[in-house]
Amino acid sequence: MSLSTAISLHLLGSAESRIAALDYVSEAFAEAVLDGVEVEAFAEAAIATALRELVAAHGEERVADIVQSFPERVRAGEFSSRLRQ
């Protein structure tokens, strides 16, 4: 496990908390889209808000370590909602 992955898992807490948090965010996302907010606008705002909260809680360097692994994780399909072909 890489340092950034270990930090990510530590910041996320228990599995139950991660599931509950994802449910809350998914629900807010769906409501915003139903209210006419553009998907990309909401997604960008959610990412910016999450990063701001993480920086406030853990500092810029720890958050920079976490997001450093994002390009690789995105390319690997970790955040894809569809099945990869």
C-alpha atoms as a PDB file:
ATOM      1  CA  MET A   1       0.000   0.000   0.000  1.00  0.00           C
ATOM      2  CA  SER A   2       1.389   3.399  -0.948  1.00  0.00           C
ATOM      3  CA  LEU A   3       1.712   6.252   1.514  1.00  0.00           C
ATOM      4  CA  SER A   4      -1.058   8.200  -0.202  1.00  0.00           C
ATOM      5  CA  THR A   5      -3.383   5.173  -0.122  1.00  0.00           C
ATOM      6  CA  ALA A   6      -2.656   4.612   3.553  1.00  0.00           C
ATOM      7  CA  ILE A   7      -3.373   8.274   4.268  1.00  0.00           C
ATOM      8  CA  SER A   8      -6.565   8.089   2.190  1.00  0.00           C
ATOM      9  CA  LEU A   9      -7.822   5.069   4.110  1.00  0.00           C
ATOM     10  CA  HIS A  10      -6.943   6.681   7.425  1.00  0.00           C
ATOM     11  CA  LEU A  11      -8.824   9.858   6.533  1.00  0.00           C
ATOM     12  CA  LEU A  12     -11.880   7.972   5.372  1.00  0.00           C
ATOM     13  CA  GLY A  13     -12.384   6.112   8.643  1.00  0.00           C
ATOM     14  CA  SER A  14     -14.513   3.021   9.004  1.00  0.00           C
ATOM     15  CA  ALA A  15     -16.256   1.230   6.158  1.00  0.00           C
ATOM     16  CA  GLU A  16     -19.653   2.138   7.590  1.00  0.00           C
ATOM     17  CA  SER A  17     -18.769   5.825   7.672  1.00  0.00           C
ATOM     18  CA  ARG A  18     -17.545   5.722   4.070  1.00  0.00           C
ATOM     19  CA  ILE A  19     -20.762   4.053   2.907  1.00  0.00           C
ATOM     20  CA  ALA A  20     -22.942   6.545   4.793  1.00  0.00           C
ATOM     21  CA  ALA A  21     -20.922   9.488   3.476  1.00  0.00           C
ATOM     22  CA  LEU A  22     -21.147   8.240  -0.106  1.00  0.00           C
ATOM     23  CA  ASP A  23     -24.912   7.821   0.284  1.00  0.00           C
ATOM     24  CA  TYR A  24     -25.262  11.420   1.501  1.00  0.00           C
ATOM     25  CA  VAL A  25     -23.144  12.824  -1.318  1.00  0.00           C
ATOM     26  CA  SER A  26     -24.910  10.714  -3.951  1.00  0.00           C
ATOM     27  CA  GLU A  27     -28.291  11.885  -2.703  1.00  0.00           C
ATOM     28  CA  ALA A  28     -27.231  15.541  -2.731  1.00  0.00           C
ATOM     29  CA  PHE A  29     -25.811  15.096  -6.230  1.00  0.00           C
ATOM     30  CA  ALA A  30     -29.057  13.559  -7.513  1.00  0.00           C
ATOM     31  CA  GLU A  31     -31.164  16.311  -5.932  1.00  0.00           C
ATOM     32  CA  ALA A  32     -29.004  19.047  -7.428  1.00  0.00           C
ATOM     33  CA  VAL A  33     -29.239  17.521 -10.901  1.00  0.00           C
ATOM     34  CA  LEU A  34     -33.028  17.178 -10.562  1.00  0.00           C
ATOM     35  CA  ASP A  35     -33.127  20.873  -9.619  1.00  0.00           C
ATOM     36  CA  GLY A  36     -31.321  21.733 -12.857  1.00  0.00           C
ATOM     37  CA  VAL A  37     -27.733  22.077 -11.677  1.00  0.00           C
ATOM     38  CA  GLU A  38     -25.351  20.906 -14.391  1.00  0.00           C
ATOM     39  CA  VAL A  39     -23.623  17.625 -13.565  1.00  0.00           C
ATOM     40  CA  GLU A  40     -20.133  18.992 -14.224  1.00  0.00           C
ATOM     41  CA  ALA A  41     -20.743  22.121 -12.159  1.00  0.00           C
ATOM     42  CA  PHE A  42     -21.929  20.118  -9.168  1.00  0.00           C
ATOM     43  CA  ALA A  43     -19.085  17.618  -9.485  1.00  0.00           C
ATOM     44  CA  GLU A  44     -16.464  20.377  -9.582  1.00  0.00           C
ATOM     45  CA  ALA A  45     -18.067  22.114  -6.605  1.00  0.00           C
ATOM     46  CA  ALA A  46     -18.152  18.843  -4.656  1.00  0.00           C
ATOM     47  CA  ILE A  47     -14.471  18.175  -5.354  1.00  0.00           C
ATOM     48  CA  ALA A  48     -13.482  21.725  -4.374  1.00  0.00           C
ATOM     49  CA  THR A  49     -15.535  21.548  -1.182  1.00  0.00           C
ATOM     50  CA  ALA A  50     -14.100  18.163  -0.243  1.00  0.00           C
ATOM     51  CA  LEU A  51     -10.537  19.364  -0.810  1.00  0.00           C
ATOM     52  CA  ARG A  52     -11.166  22.510   1.244  1.00  0.00           C
ATOM     53  CA  GLU A  53     -12.494  20.410   4.134  1.00  0.00           C
ATOM     54  CA  LEU A  54      -9.568  17.988   3.955  1.00  0.00           C
ATOM     55  CA  VAL A  55      -7.035  20.834   3.882  1.00  0.00           C
ATOM     56  CA  ALA A  56      -8.720  22.473   6.860  1.00  0.00           C
ATOM     57  CA  ALA A  57      -8.605  19.205   8.791  1.00  0.00           C
ATOM     58  CA  HIS A  58      -5.228  17.818   7.740  1.00  0.00           C
ATOM     59  CA  GLY A  59      -3.194  20.526   6.031  1.00  0.00           C
ATOM     60  CA  GLU A  60      -2.083  21.114   2.477  1.00  0.00           C
ATOM     61  CA  GLU A  61       0.845  18.686   2.431  1.00  0.00           C
ATOM     62  CA  ARG A  62      -1.190  15.644   3.544  1.00  0.00           C
ATOM     63  CA  VAL A  63      -3.933  16.447   1.057  1.00  0.00           C
ATOM     64  CA  ALA A  64      -1.373  16.975  -1.706  1.00  0.00           C
ATOM     65  CA  ASP A  65      -0.031  13.481  -0.938  1.00  0.00           C
ATOM     66  CA  ILE A  66      -3.534  12.051  -1.274  1.00  0.00           C
ATOM     67  CA  VAL A  67      -4.448  13.734  -4.558  1.00  0.00           C
ATOM     68  CA  GLN A  68      -1.083  12.882  -6.089  1.00  0.00           C
ATOM     69  CA  SER A  69      -2.396   9.361  -6.715  1.00  0.00           C
ATOM     70  CA  PHE A  70      -5.652  10.511  -8.352  1.00  0.00           C
ATOM     71  CA  PRO A  71      -4.571  10.405 -12.032  1.00  0.00           C
ATOM     72  CA  GLU A  72      -3.454   6.787 -11.728  1.00  0.00           C
ATOM     73  CA  ARG A  73      -6.583   5.816  -9.802  1.00  0.00           C
ATOM     74  CA  VAL A  74      -8.862   7.531 -12.346  1.00  0.00           C
ATOM     75  CA  ARG A  75      -7.126   5.787 -15.245  1.00  0.00           C
ATOM     76  CA  ALA A  76      -7.430   2.457 -13.422  1.00  0.00           C
ATOM     77  CA  GLY A  77     -11.207   2.900 -13.278  1.00  0.00           C
ATOM     78  CA  GLU A  78     -11.517   3.293  -9.509  1.00  0.00           C
ATOM     79  CA  PHE A  79     -14.077   6.080  -9.906  1.00  0.00           C
ATOM     80  CA  SER A  80     -15.929   4.711 -12.946  1.00  0.00           C
ATOM     81  CA  SER A  81     -19.574   3.886 -12.435  1.00  0.00           C
ATOM     82  CA  ARG A  82     -19.837   1.806 -15.603  1.00  0.00           C
ATOM     83  CA  LEU A  83     -18.327  -1.549 -16.289  1.00  0.00           C
ATOM     84  CA  ARG A  84     -15.049  -1.246 -18.131  1.00  0.00           C
ATOM     85  CA  GLN A  85     -14.696  -3.019 -21.443  1.00  0.00           C
END
